[in-house]
C-alpha atoms as a PDB file:
ATOM      1  CA  MET A   1      18.686  13.250   6.380  1.00  0.00           C
ATOM      2  CA  SER A   2      15.134  14.106   5.376  1.00  0.00           C
ATOM      3  CA  GLN A   3      13.798  16.553   2.891  1.00  0.00           C
ATOM      4  CA  LEU A   4      10.510  18.471   3.125  1.00  0.00           C
ATOM      5  CA  TYR A   5       8.034  17.208   0.560  1.00  0.00           C
ATOM      6  CA  GLU A   6       4.893  19.241   1.227  1.00  0.00           C
ATOM      7  CA  ASN A   7       2.897  21.334   3.613  1.00  0.00           C
ATOM      8  CA  LYS A   8      -0.772  20.406   4.001  1.00  0.00           C
ATOM      9  CA  THR A   9      -3.636  20.436   6.544  1.00  0.00           C
ATOM     10  CA  PHE A  10      -5.178  17.481   8.326  1.00  0.00           C
ATOM     11  CA  SER A  11      -8.543  16.278   7.203  1.00  0.00           C
ATOM     12  CA  ASN A  12     -11.339  15.567   9.628  1.00  0.00           C
ATOM     13  CA  SER A  13     -10.743  11.804   9.181  1.00  0.00           C
ATOM     14  CA  GLY A  14      -6.941  11.954   9.701  1.00  0.00           C
ATOM     15  CA  MET A  15      -6.123  10.591   6.225  1.00  0.00           C
ATOM     16  CA  ILE A  16      -2.932  11.687   4.532  1.00  0.00           C
ATOM     17  CA  THR A  17      -1.681  10.866   1.068  1.00  0.00           C
ATOM     18  CA  LEU A  18       1.798   9.504   0.557  1.00  0.00           C
ATOM     19  CA  PRO A  19       3.515  10.506  -2.698  1.00  0.00           C
ATOM     20  CA  LYS A  20       3.557   7.610  -5.135  1.00  0.00           C
ATOM     21  CA  LYS A  21       7.249   7.910  -6.180  1.00  0.00           C
ATOM     22  CA  TRP A  22       8.528   7.314  -2.625  1.00  0.00           C
ATOM     23  CA  ARG A  23       5.640   5.071  -1.542  1.00  0.00           C
ATOM     24  CA  GLN A  24       6.725   2.485  -4.115  1.00  0.00           C
ATOM     25  CA  ARG A  25      10.405   2.921  -3.274  1.00  0.00           C
ATOM     26  CA  PHE A  26       9.716   2.413   0.430  1.00  0.00           C
ATOM     27  CA  GLY A  27       7.478  -0.674  -0.098  1.00  0.00           C
ATOM     28  CA  LEU A  28       4.318   1.030   0.895  1.00  0.00           C
ATOM     29  CA  ILE A  29       2.133  -0.553  -1.749  1.00  0.00           C
ATOM     30  CA  PRO A  30      -1.669  -0.438  -1.641  1.00  0.00           C
ATOM     31  CA  GLY A  31      -3.054  -3.305   0.418  1.00  0.00           C
ATOM     32  CA  ARG A  32       0.066  -3.653   2.470  1.00  0.00           C
ATOM     33  CA  MET A  33       0.592  -2.557   6.054  1.00  0.00           C
ATOM     34  CA  ALA A  34       2.419   0.603   7.086  1.00  0.00           C
ATOM     35  CA  GLU A  35       3.943   0.889  10.521  1.00  0.00           C
ATOM     36  CA  LEU A  36       3.374   4.238  12.346  1.00  0.00           C
ATOM     37  CA  ILE A  37       5.899   5.029  14.990  1.00  0.00           C
ATOM     38  CA  TYR A  38       5.387   8.016  17.305  1.00  0.00           C
ATOM     39  CA  GLN A  39       8.811   9.400  18.353  1.00  0.00           C
ATOM     40  CA  ASN A  40      10.257  12.856  19.089  1.00  0.00           C
ATOM     41  CA  ASP A  41       6.949  14.619  18.358  1.00  0.00           C
ATOM     42  CA  SER A  42       6.864  13.081  14.889  1.00  0.00           C
ATOM     43  CA  ILE A  43       5.171  10.083  13.232  1.00  0.00           C
ATOM     44  CA  TYR A  44       7.480   7.835  11.200  1.00  0.00           C
ATOM     45  CA  ILE A  45       5.624   5.956   8.385  1.00  0.00           C
ATOM     46  CA  LYS A  46       7.382   2.928   6.897  1.00  0.00           C
ATOM     47  CA  ALA A  47       6.729  -0.584   5.708  1.00  0.00           C
ATOM     48  CA  ALA A  48       5.499  -2.753   8.598  1.00  0.00           C
ATOM     49  CA  ARG A  49       7.807  -5.313  10.077  1.00  0.00           C
ATOM     50  CA  LYS A  50       6.255  -8.684  10.713  1.00  0.00           C
ATOM     51  CA  HIS A  51       6.526  -8.852  14.482  1.00  0.00           C
ATOM     52  CA  SER A  52       6.327  -5.160  15.299  1.00  0.00           C
ATOM     53  CA  THR A  53       4.003  -3.988  18.044  1.00  0.00           C
ATOM     54  CA  ASN A  54       3.750  -0.457  16.634  1.00  0.00           C
ATOM     55  CA  ASN A  55       0.515   0.963  15.240  1.00  0.00           C
ATOM     56  CA  LYS A  56      -0.217  -0.552  11.789  1.00  0.00           C
ATOM     57  CA  ARG A  57      -2.531   0.683   9.084  1.00  0.00           C
ATOM     58  CA  TYR A  58      -3.231  -0.441   5.451  1.00  0.00           C
ATOM     59  CA  ILE A  59      -2.201   1.627   2.536  1.00  0.00           C
ATOM     60  CA  SER A  60      -5.339   2.355   0.427  1.00  0.00           C
ATOM     61  CA  GLU A  61      -5.616   2.105  -3.317  1.00  0.00           C
ATOM     62  CA  LYS A  62      -5.145   5.858  -3.586  1.00  0.00           C
ATOM     63  CA  GLY A  63      -1.999   5.819  -1.484  1.00  0.00           C
ATOM     64  CA  THR A  64      -3.552   7.210   1.684  1.00  0.00           C
ATOM     65  CA  VAL A  65      -2.941   6.066   5.262  1.00  0.00           C
ATOM     66  CA  HIS A  66      -5.085   6.838   8.253  1.00  0.00           C
ATOM     67  CA  ILE A  67      -3.355   8.410  11.189  1.00  0.00           C
ATOM     68  CA  PRO A  68      -5.093   6.910  14.285  1.00  0.00           C
ATOM     69  CA  LYS A  69      -6.917   9.185  16.664  1.00  0.00           C
ATOM     70  CA  GLU A  70      -4.728   8.247  19.573  1.00  0.00           C
ATOM     71  CA  LEU A  71      -1.557   9.344  17.683  1.00  0.00           C
ATOM     72  CA  ARG A  72      -3.247  12.631  16.535  1.00  0.00           C
ATOM     73  CA  GLU A  73      -4.328  13.294  20.136  1.00  0.00           C
ATOM     74  CA  GLU A  74      -0.821  12.518  21.399  1.00  0.00           C
ATOM     75  CA  MET A  75       0.570  15.137  19.037  1.00  0.00           C
ATOM     76  CA  GLY A  76      -2.227  17.626  19.763  1.00  0.00           C
ATOM     77  CA  ILE A  77      -3.450  17.540  16.199  1.00  0.00           C
ATOM     78  CA  THR A  78      -6.969  18.696  15.310  1.00  0.00           C
ATOM     79  CA  PRO A  79      -8.646  18.864  11.885  1.00  0.00           C
ATOM     80  CA  GLN A  80      -7.248  21.539   9.636  1.00  0.00           C
ATOM     81  CA  ASP A  81      -3.975  21.783  11.612  1.00  0.00           C
ATOM     82  CA  PRO A  82      -1.023  22.248   9.249  1.00  0.00           C
ATOM     83  CA  TYR A  83       1.497  19.456   8.921  1.00  0.00           C
ATOM     84  CA  ASN A  84       4.752  18.777   7.031  1.00  0.00           C
ATOM     85  CA  LEU A  85       5.536  15.562   5.259  1.00  0.00           C
ATOM     86  CA  HIS A  86       9.243  14.742   4.979  1.00  0.00           C
ATOM     87  CA  ILE A  87      10.937  12.097   2.834  1.00  0.00           C
ATOM     88  CA  ASN A  88      13.734  10.136   4.483  1.00  0.00           C
ATOM     89  CA  GLU A  89      15.455   8.053   1.825  1.00  0.00           C
ATOM     90  CA  GLU A  90      18.211   6.887   4.207  1.00  0.00           C
ATOM     91  CA  HIS A  91      15.665   5.102   6.422  1.00  0.00           C
ATOM     92  CA  ASN A  92      13.015   4.462   3.663  1.00  0.00           C
ATOM     93  CA  CYS A  93      10.248   6.279   5.503  1.00  0.00           C
ATOM     94  CA  PHE A  94       8.032   9.355   5.614  1.00  0.00           C
ATOM     95  CA  ILE A  95       8.177  11.626   8.649  1.00  0.00           C
ATOM     96  CA  LEU A  96       5.068  13.598   9.590  1.00  0.00           C
ATOM     97  CA  THR A  97       5.551  16.630  11.745  1.00  0.00           C
ATOM     98  CA  CYS A  98       3.219  19.372  12.889  1.00  0.00           C
ATOM     99  CA  LYS A  99       4.127  22.895  11.894  1.00  0.00           C
ATOM    100  CA  ASP A 100       2.729  24.647  14.974  1.00  0.00           C
ATOM    101  CA  HIS A 101       3.779  22.093  17.636  1.00  0.00           C
END
């Protein structure tokens, strides 16, 4: 079960900030890779598995992760579109959904 953490809008660069409390709990530490899985019109963000073929991005020092352009296009996201960030403690991941899609 996931809980809504926040509502925000996408930046021009596609960067989102992951909340520190859960980032640490989920193993998404700056300098490590996050795995981005596009499924059911959502992007699941979790610690990368070693042999995964999913999209991977580094977590920045400020706790941000870049959502690749191809995933944003797949979801129909443009800059300034609203999104929701959900916390899923059961699966140790964040779930990004678009409010208007």
